[in-house]
PDB file of N, CA and C in Angstrom:
ATOM      1  N   UNK A   1     -24.314  54.849 -51.373  1.00  0.00           N
ATOM      2  CA  UNK A   1     -25.465  55.597 -51.821  1.00  0.00           C
ATOM      3  C   UNK A   1     -26.765  54.980 -51.315  1.00  0.00           C
ATOM      4  N   UNK A   2     -26.831  53.703 -51.175  1.00  0.00           N
ATOM      5  CA  UNK A   2     -28.089  53.067 -50.809  1.00  0.00           C
ATOM      6  C   UNK A   2     -28.860  52.699 -52.055  1.00  0.00           C
ATOM      7  N   UNK A   3     -29.966  51.997 -51.880  1.00  0.00           N
ATOM      8  CA  UNK A   3     -30.710  51.529 -53.040  1.00  0.00           C
ATOM      9  C   UNK A   3     -31.561  52.607 -53.678  1.00  0.00           C
ATOM     10  N   UNK A   4     -32.030  53.579 -52.895  1.00  0.00           N
ATOM     11  CA  UNK A   4     -32.855  54.642 -53.452  1.00  0.00           C
ATOM     12  C   UNK A   4     -32.000  55.896 -53.612  1.00  0.00           C
ATOM     13  N   UNK A   5     -31.908  56.369 -54.832  1.00  0.00           N
ATOM     14  CA  UNK A   5     -31.117  57.559 -55.109  1.00  0.00           C
ATOM     15  C   UNK A   5     -31.869  58.803 -54.651  1.00  0.00           C
ATOM     16  N   UNK A   6     -33.185  58.752 -54.671  1.00  0.00           N
ATOM     17  CA  UNK A   6     -33.972  59.890 -54.214  1.00  0.00           C
ATOM     18  C   UNK A   6     -35.054  59.420 -53.247  1.00  0.00           C
ATOM     19  N   UNK A   7     -35.497  60.319 -52.350  1.00  0.00           N
ATOM     20  CA  UNK A   7     -36.444  59.925 -51.299  1.00  0.00           C
ATOM     21  C   UNK A   7     -37.855  59.646 -51.818  1.00  0.00           C
ATOM     22  N   UNK A   8     -38.538  58.745 -51.151  1.00  0.00           N
ATOM     23  CA  UNK A   8     -39.948  58.404 -51.423  1.00  0.00           C
ATOM     24  C   UNK A   8     -40.180  57.974 -52.869  1.00  0.00           C
ATOM     25  N   UNK A   9     -39.244  57.211 -53.402  1.00  0.00           N
ATOM     26  CA  UNK A   9     -39.320  56.801 -54.806  1.00  0.00           C
ATOM     27  C   UNK A   9     -40.622  56.066 -55.125  1.00  0.00           C
ATOM     28  N   UNK A  10     -40.948  55.067 -54.346  1.00  0.00           N
ATOM     29  CA  UNK A  10     -42.141  54.269 -54.637  1.00  0.00           C
ATOM     30  C   UNK A  10     -43.408  55.122 -54.593  1.00  0.00           C
ATOM     31  N   UNK A  11     -43.507  55.979 -53.612  1.00  0.00           N
ATOM     32  CA  UNK A  11     -44.674  56.856 -53.464  1.00  0.00           C
ATOM     33  C   UNK A  11     -44.821  57.776 -54.688  1.00  0.00           C
ATOM     34  N   UNK A  12     -43.718  58.321 -55.154  1.00  0.00           N
ATOM     35  CA  UNK A  12     -43.751  59.226 -56.308  1.00  0.00           C
ATOM     36  C   UNK A  12     -44.108  58.478 -57.591  1.00  0.00           C
ATOM     37  N   UNK A  13     -43.588  57.277 -57.738  1.00  0.00           N
ATOM     38  CA  UNK A  13     -43.907  56.488 -58.928  1.00  0.00           C
ATOM     39  C   UNK A  13     -45.389  56.108 -58.937  1.00  0.00           C
ATOM     40  N   UNK A  14     -45.918  55.746 -57.785  1.00  0.00           N
ATOM     41  CA  UNK A  14     -47.343  55.424 -57.703  1.00  0.00           C
ATOM     42  C   UNK A  14     -48.199  56.652 -58.010  1.00  0.00           C
ATOM     43  N   UNK A  15     -47.772  57.817 -57.556  1.00  0.00           N
ATOM     44  CA  UNK A  15     -48.500  59.059 -57.849  1.00  0.00           C
ATOM     45  C   UNK A  15     -48.500  59.342 -59.350  1.00  0.00           C
ATOM     46  N   UNK A  16     -47.390  59.067 -60.012  1.00  0.00           N
ATOM     47  CA  UNK A  16     -47.332  59.267 -61.467  1.00  0.00           C
ATOM     48  C   UNK A  16     -48.289  58.319 -62.180  1.00  0.00           C
ATOM     49  N   UNK A  17     -48.339  57.068 -61.738  1.00  0.00           N
ATOM     50  CA  UNK A  17     -49.240  56.102 -62.374  1.00  0.00           C
ATOM     51  C   UNK A  17     -50.692  56.538 -62.196  1.00  0.00           C
ATOM     52  N   UNK A  18     -50.996  57.060 -61.021  1.00  0.00           N
ATOM     53  CA  UNK A  18     -52.353  57.522 -60.756  1.00  0.00           C
ATOM     54  C   UNK A  18     -52.671  58.750 -61.616  1.00  0.00           C
ATOM     55  N   UNK A  19     -51.732  59.657 -61.742  1.00  0.00           N
ATOM     56  CA  UNK A  19     -51.937  60.908 -62.482  1.00  0.00           C
ATOM     57  C   UNK A  19     -52.015  60.699 -63.995  1.00  0.00           C
ATOM     58  N   UNK A  20     -51.134  59.846 -64.537  1.00  0.00           N
ATOM     59  CA  UNK A  20     -51.036  59.686 -65.992  1.00  0.00           C
ATOM     60  C   UNK A  20     -51.669  58.402 -66.511  1.00  0.00           C
ATOM     61  N   UNK A  21     -52.108  57.542 -65.624  1.00  0.00           N
ATOM     62  CA  UNK A  21     -52.779  56.327 -66.048  1.00  0.00           C
ATOM     63  C   UNK A  21     -51.852  55.138 -66.140  1.00  0.00           C
ATOM     64  N   UNK A  22     -52.452  53.973 -66.002  1.00  0.00           N
ATOM     65  CA  UNK A  22     -51.676  52.729 -66.013  1.00  0.00           C
ATOM     66  C   UNK A  22     -51.142  52.377 -67.399  1.00  0.00           C
ATOM     67  N   UNK A  23     -51.706  52.985 -68.434  1.00  0.00           N
ATOM     68  CA  UNK A  23     -51.235  52.704 -69.789  1.00  0.00           C
ATOM     69  C   UNK A  23     -50.175  53.708 -70.249  1.00  0.00           C
ATOM     70  N   UNK A  24     -49.561  54.410 -69.294  1.00  0.00           N
ATOM     71  CA  UNK A  24     -48.522  55.390 -69.588  1.00  0.00           C
ATOM     72  C   UNK A  24     -47.342  54.699 -70.287  1.00  0.00           C
ATOM     73  N   UNK A  25     -46.892  55.261 -71.382  1.00  0.00           N
ATOM     74  CA  UNK A  25     -45.752  54.701 -72.103  1.00  0.00           C
ATOM     75  C   UNK A  25     -44.448  55.165 -71.468  1.00  0.00           C
ATOM     76  N   UNK A  26     -43.363  54.532 -71.883  1.00  0.00           N
ATOM     77  CA  UNK A  26     -42.029  54.889 -71.392  1.00  0.00           C
ATOM     78  C   UNK A  26     -41.716  56.353 -71.689  1.00  0.00           C
ATOM     79  N   UNK A  27     -42.023  56.810 -72.893  1.00  0.00           N
ATOM     80  CA  UNK A  27     -41.688  58.186 -73.278  1.00  0.00           C
ATOM     81  C   UNK A  27     -42.490  59.205 -72.468  1.00  0.00           C
ATOM     82  N   UNK A  28     -43.748  58.903 -72.214  1.00  0.00           N
ATOM     83  CA  UNK A  28     -44.574  59.781 -71.386  1.00  0.00           C
ATOM     84  C   UNK A  28     -44.032  59.796 -69.952  1.00  0.00           C
ATOM     85  N   UNK A  29     -43.676  58.635 -69.448  1.00  0.00           N
ATOM     86  CA  UNK A  29     -43.114  58.536 -68.102  1.00  0.00           C
ATOM     87  C   UNK A  29     -41.846  59.375 -67.993  1.00  0.00           C
ATOM     88  N   UNK A  30     -40.951  59.209 -68.936  1.00  0.00           N
ATOM     89  CA  UNK A  30     -39.660  59.906 -68.908  1.00  0.00           C
ATOM     90  C   UNK A  30     -39.857  61.419 -68.934  1.00  0.00           C
ATOM     91  N   UNK A  31     -40.665  61.895 -69.847  1.00  0.00           N
ATOM     92  CA  UNK A  31     -40.914  63.332 -69.982  1.00  0.00           C
ATOM     93  C   UNK A  31     -41.573  63.899 -68.724  1.00  0.00           C
ATOM     94  N   UNK A  32     -42.596  63.214 -68.242  1.00  0.00           N
ATOM     95  CA  UNK A  32     -43.335  63.715 -67.089  1.00  0.00           C
ATOM     96  C   UNK A  32     -42.549  63.589 -65.789  1.00  0.00           C
ATOM     97  N   UNK A  33     -41.717  62.570 -65.651  1.00  0.00           N
ATOM     98  CA  UNK A  33     -40.892  62.459 -64.458  1.00  0.00           C
ATOM     99  C   UNK A  33     -39.959  63.660 -64.367  1.00  0.00           C
ATOM    100  N   UNK A  34     -39.321  63.987 -65.471  1.00  0.00           N
ATOM    101  CA  UNK A  34     -38.393  65.120 -65.480  1.00  0.00           C
ATOM    102  C   UNK A  34     -39.112  66.432 -65.194  1.00  0.00           C
ATOM    103  N   UNK A  35     -40.369  66.557 -65.641  1.00  0.00           N
ATOM    104  CA  UNK A  35     -41.158  67.763 -65.408  1.00  0.00           C
ATOM    105  C   UNK A  35     -41.703  67.813 -63.983  1.00  0.00           C
ATOM    106  N   UNK A  36     -42.265  66.699 -63.517  1.00  0.00           N
ATOM    107  CA  UNK A  36     -42.904  66.648 -62.201  1.00  0.00           C
ATOM    108  C   UNK A  36     -41.900  66.618 -61.051  1.00  0.00           C
ATOM    109  N   UNK A  37     -40.763  66.012 -61.271  1.00  0.00           N
ATOM    110  CA  UNK A  37     -39.768  65.831 -60.204  1.00  0.00           C
ATOM    111  C   UNK A  37     -38.373  66.286 -60.652  1.00  0.00           C
ATOM    112  N   UNK A  38     -38.220  67.573 -60.987  1.00  0.00           N
ATOM    113  CA  UNK A  38     -36.904  68.036 -61.475  1.00  0.00           C
ATOM    114  C   UNK A  38     -35.794  67.889 -60.434  1.00  0.00           C
ATOM    115  N   UNK A  39     -36.130  68.049 -59.160  1.00  0.00           N
ATOM    116  CA  UNK A  39     -35.100  67.889 -58.119  1.00  0.00           C
ATOM    117  C   UNK A  39     -34.630  66.443 -58.026  1.00  0.00           C
ATOM    118  N   UNK A  40     -35.563  65.511 -58.167  1.00  0.00           N
ATOM    119  CA  UNK A  40     -35.192  64.094 -58.137  1.00  0.00           C
ATOM    120  C   UNK A  40     -34.391  63.714 -59.379  1.00  0.00           C
ATOM    121  N   UNK A  41     -34.756  64.276 -60.518  1.00  0.00           N
ATOM    122  CA  UNK A  41     -33.993  64.025 -61.748  1.00  0.00           C
ATOM    123  C   UNK A  41     -32.556  64.522 -61.556  1.00  0.00           C
ATOM    124  N   UNK A  42     -32.413  65.666 -60.909  1.00  0.00           N
ATOM    125  CA  UNK A  42     -31.077  66.197 -60.635  1.00  0.00           C
ATOM    126  C   UNK A  42     -30.315  65.295 -59.660  1.00  0.00           C
ATOM    127  N   UNK A  43     -31.000  64.742 -58.664  1.00  0.00           N
ATOM    128  CA  UNK A  43     -30.355  63.809 -57.735  1.00  0.00           C
ATOM    129  C   UNK A  43     -29.851  62.556 -58.457  1.00  0.00           C
ATOM    130  N   UNK A  44     -30.648  62.050 -59.383  1.00  0.00           N
ATOM    131  CA  UNK A  44     -30.242  60.869 -60.158  1.00  0.00           C
ATOM    132  C   UNK A  44     -28.986  61.189 -60.965  1.00  0.00           C
ATOM    133  N   UNK A  45     -29.003  62.339 -61.643  1.00  0.00           N
ATOM    134  CA  UNK A  45     -27.835  62.734 -62.434  1.00  0.00           C
ATOM    135  C   UNK A  45     -26.614  62.984 -61.559  1.00  0.00           C
ATOM    136  N   UNK A  46     -26.814  63.612 -60.413  1.00  0.00           N
ATOM    137  CA  UNK A  46     -25.702  63.878 -59.496  1.00  0.00           C
ATOM    138  C   UNK A  46     -25.089  62.585 -58.965  1.00  0.00           C
ATOM    139  N   UNK A  47     -25.945  61.639 -58.618  1.00  0.00           N
ATOM    140  CA  UNK A  47     -25.436  60.350 -58.133  1.00  0.00           C
ATOM    141  C   UNK A  47     -24.624  59.650 -59.213  1.00  0.00           C
ATOM    142  N   UNK A  48     -25.123  59.671 -60.443  1.00  0.00           N
ATOM    143  CA  UNK A  48     -24.400  59.044 -61.542  1.00  0.00           C
ATOM    144  C   UNK A  48     -23.044  59.725 -61.756  1.00  0.00           C
ATOM    145  N   UNK A  49     -23.043  61.052 -61.768  1.00  0.00           N
ATOM    146  CA  UNK A  49     -21.791  61.789 -61.963  1.00  0.00           C
ATOM    147  C   UNK A  49     -20.801  61.515 -60.831  1.00  0.00           C
ATOM    148  N   UNK A  50     -21.316  61.385 -59.613  1.00  0.00           N
ATOM    149  CA  UNK A  50     -20.457  61.075 -58.480  1.00  0.00           C
ATOM    150  C   UNK A  50     -19.797  59.704 -58.661  1.00  0.00           C
ATOM    151  N   UNK A  51     -20.594  58.715 -59.065  1.00  0.00           N
ATOM    152  CA  UNK A  51     -20.024  57.393 -59.339  1.00  0.00           C
ATOM    153  C   UNK A  51     -18.981  57.479 -60.441  1.00  0.00           C
ATOM    154  N   UNK A  52     -19.271  58.253 -61.484  1.00  0.00           N
ATOM    155  CA  UNK A  52     -18.328  58.390 -62.601  1.00  0.00           C
ATOM    156  C   UNK A  52     -16.997  58.973 -62.120  1.00  0.00           C
ATOM    157  N   UNK A  53     -17.078  60.020 -61.313  1.00  0.00           N
ATOM    158  CA  UNK A  53     -15.861  60.682 -60.812  1.00  0.00           C
ATOM    159  C   UNK A  53     -15.054  59.787 -59.886  1.00  0.00           C
ATOM    160  N   UNK A  54     -15.747  59.006 -59.063  1.00  0.00           N
ATOM    161  CA  UNK A  54     -15.067  58.240 -58.016  1.00  0.00           C
ATOM    162  C   UNK A  54     -14.690  56.818 -58.418  1.00  0.00           C
ATOM    163  N   UNK A  55     -14.965  56.446 -59.642  1.00  0.00           N
ATOM    164  CA  UNK A  55     -14.617  55.114 -60.122  1.00  0.00           C
ATOM    165  C   UNK A  55     -13.338  55.214 -60.951  1.00  0.00           C
ATOM    166  N   UNK A  56     -12.414  54.344 -60.630  1.00  0.00           N
ATOM    167  CA  UNK A  56     -11.144  54.356 -61.359  1.00  0.00           C
ATOM    168  C   UNK A  56     -11.365  54.026 -62.826  1.00  0.00           C
ATOM    169  N   UNK A  57     -10.529  54.603 -63.659  1.00  0.00           N
ATOM    170  CA  UNK A  57     -10.601  54.359 -65.099  1.00  0.00           C
ATOM    171  C   UNK A  57     -10.486  52.872 -65.391  1.00  0.00           C
ATOM    172  N   UNK A  58     -11.367  52.395 -66.258  1.00  0.00           N
ATOM    173  CA  UNK A  58     -11.370  50.987 -66.621  1.00  0.00           C
ATOM    174  C   UNK A  58     -12.230  50.111 -65.719  1.00  0.00           C
ATOM    175  N   UNK A  59     -12.733  50.688 -64.639  1.00  0.00           N
ATOM    176  CA  UNK A  59     -13.596  49.943 -63.709  1.00  0.00           C
ATOM    177  C   UNK A  59     -15.045  50.355 -63.934  1.00  0.00           C
ATOM    178  N   UNK A  60     -15.945  49.480 -63.537  1.00  0.00           N
ATOM    179  CA  UNK A  60     -17.373  49.776 -63.644  1.00  0.00           C
ATOM    180  C   UNK A  60     -17.931  50.146 -62.282  1.00  0.00           C
ATOM    181  N   UNK A  61     -19.022  50.885 -62.294  1.00  0.00           N
ATOM    182  CA  UNK A  61     -19.721  51.186 -61.051  1.00  0.00           C
ATOM    183  C   UNK A  61     -21.154  50.651 -61.168  1.00  0.00           C
ATOM    184  N   UNK A  62     -21.867  50.529 -60.045  1.00  0.00           N
ATOM    185  CA  UNK A  62     -23.166  49.851 -60.051  1.00  0.00           C
ATOM    186  C   UNK A  62     -24.338  50.654 -60.607  1.00  0.00           C
ATOM    187  N   UNK A  63     -24.180  51.947 -60.814  1.00  0.00           N
ATOM    188  CA  UNK A  63     -25.334  52.749 -61.236  1.00  0.00           C
ATOM    189  C   UNK A  63     -25.381  52.867 -62.759  1.00  0.00           C
ATOM    190  N   UNK A  64     -26.549  52.561 -63.348  1.00  0.00           N
ATOM    191  CA  UNK A  64     -26.689  52.735 -64.794  1.00  0.00           C
ATOM    192  C   UNK A  64     -26.812  54.217 -65.160  1.00  0.00           C
ATOM    193  N   UNK A  65     -26.673  54.511 -66.426  1.00  0.00           N
ATOM    194  CA  UNK A  65     -26.857  55.868 -66.938  1.00  0.00           C
ATOM    195  C   UNK A  65     -28.233  56.375 -66.480  1.00  0.00           C
ATOM    196  N   UNK A  66     -28.385  57.675 -66.214  1.00  0.00           N
ATOM    197  CA  UNK A  66     -29.666  58.195 -65.712  1.00  0.00           C
ATOM    198  C   UNK A  66     -30.901  57.809 -66.533  1.00  0.00           C
ATOM    199  N   UNK A  67     -30.800  57.816 -67.854  1.00  0.00           N
ATOM    200  CA  UNK A  67     -31.947  57.396 -68.670  1.00  0.00           C
ATOM    201  C   UNK A  67     -32.266  55.919 -68.462  1.00  0.00           C
ATOM    202  N   UNK A  68     -31.240  55.101 -68.336  1.00  0.00           N
ATOM    203  CA  UNK A  68     -31.449  53.666 -68.070  1.00  0.00           C
ATOM    204  C   UNK A  68     -32.016  53.464 -66.669  1.00  0.00           C
ATOM    205  N   UNK A  69     -31.572  54.270 -65.718  1.00  0.00           N
ATOM    206  CA  UNK A  69     -32.097  54.212 -64.355  1.00  0.00           C
ATOM    207  C   UNK A  69     -33.606  54.477 -64.373  1.00  0.00           C
ATOM    208  N   UNK A  70     -34.024  55.518 -65.124  1.00  0.00           N
ATOM    209  CA  UNK A  70     -35.457  55.809 -65.257  1.00  0.00           C
ATOM    210  C   UNK A  70     -36.186  54.669 -65.945  1.00  0.00           C
ATOM    211  N   UNK A  71     -35.591  54.112 -66.972  1.00  0.00           N
ATOM    212  CA  UNK A  71     -36.214  53.000 -67.698  1.00  0.00           C
ATOM    213  C   UNK A  71     -36.420  51.815 -66.753  1.00  0.00           C
ATOM    214  N   UNK A  72     -35.444  51.539 -65.899  1.00  0.00           N
ATOM    215  CA  UNK A  72     -35.570  50.453 -64.929  1.00  0.00           C
ATOM    216  C   UNK A  72     -36.706  50.733 -63.944  1.00  0.00           C
ATOM    217  N   UNK A  73     -36.830  51.982 -63.508  1.00  0.00           N
ATOM    218  CA  UNK A  73     -37.935  52.346 -62.606  1.00  0.00           C
ATOM    219  C   UNK A  73     -39.272  52.149 -63.301  1.00  0.00           C
ATOM    220  N   UNK A  74     -39.359  52.598 -64.542  1.00  0.00           N
ATOM    221  CA  UNK A  74     -40.602  52.453 -65.306  1.00  0.00           C
ATOM    222  C   UNK A  74     -40.977  50.985 -65.452  1.00  0.00           C
ATOM    223  N   UNK A  75     -39.997  50.170 -65.779  1.00  0.00           N
ATOM    224  CA  UNK A  75     -40.240  48.730 -65.956  1.00  0.00           C
ATOM    225  C   UNK A  75     -40.721  48.099 -64.648  1.00  0.00           C
ATOM    226  N   UNK A  76     -40.082  48.464 -63.552  1.00  0.00           N
ATOM    227  CA  UNK A  76     -40.472  47.858 -62.274  1.00  0.00           C
ATOM    228  C   UNK A  76     -41.872  48.292 -61.847  1.00  0.00           C
ATOM    229  N   UNK A  77     -42.236  49.546 -62.054  1.00  0.00           N
ATOM    230  CA  UNK A  77     -43.566  49.990 -61.661  1.00  0.00           C
ATOM    231  C   UNK A  77     -44.622  49.427 -62.612  1.00  0.00           C
ATOM    232  N   UNK A  78     -44.277  49.230 -63.863  1.00  0.00           N
ATOM    233  CA  UNK A  78     -45.208  48.656 -64.839  1.00  0.00           C
ATOM    234  C   UNK A  78     -45.534  47.206 -64.502  1.00  0.00           C
ATOM    235  N   UNK A  79     -44.572  46.474 -63.969  1.00  0.00           N
ATOM    236  CA  UNK A  79     -44.779  45.067 -63.616  1.00  0.00           C
ATOM    237  C   UNK A  79     -45.713  44.908 -62.408  1.00  0.00           C
ATOM    238  N   UNK A  80     -45.739  45.929 -61.539  1.00  0.00           N
ATOM    239  CA  UNK A  80     -46.553  45.855 -60.330  1.00  0.00           C
ATOM    240  C   UNK A  80     -48.048  46.020 -60.600  1.00  0.00           C
ATOM    241  N   UNK A  81     -48.359  46.566 -61.748  1.00  0.00           N
ATOM    242  CA  UNK A  81     -49.783  46.832 -62.078  1.00  0.00           C
ATOM    243  C   UNK A  81     -50.477  45.564 -62.531  1.00  0.00           C
TER     244      UNK A  81
END
């Protein structure tokens, strides 16, 4: 899959910070990401489902649940400010 599940991730996250402000909370980020980037949200979910389908029972795969994936993105962009 590569490290980026969807294209231009950093650029889109920076645009969200500019649009909603640097004091954007996790809940605001989550809601607005799903609204502003529905295709990317679908890509994240599709990638997760693909990992789920292709991983043998009892084994783990490297991708976190989609909500956790978003939380990790939020945390990483928050640290850069």
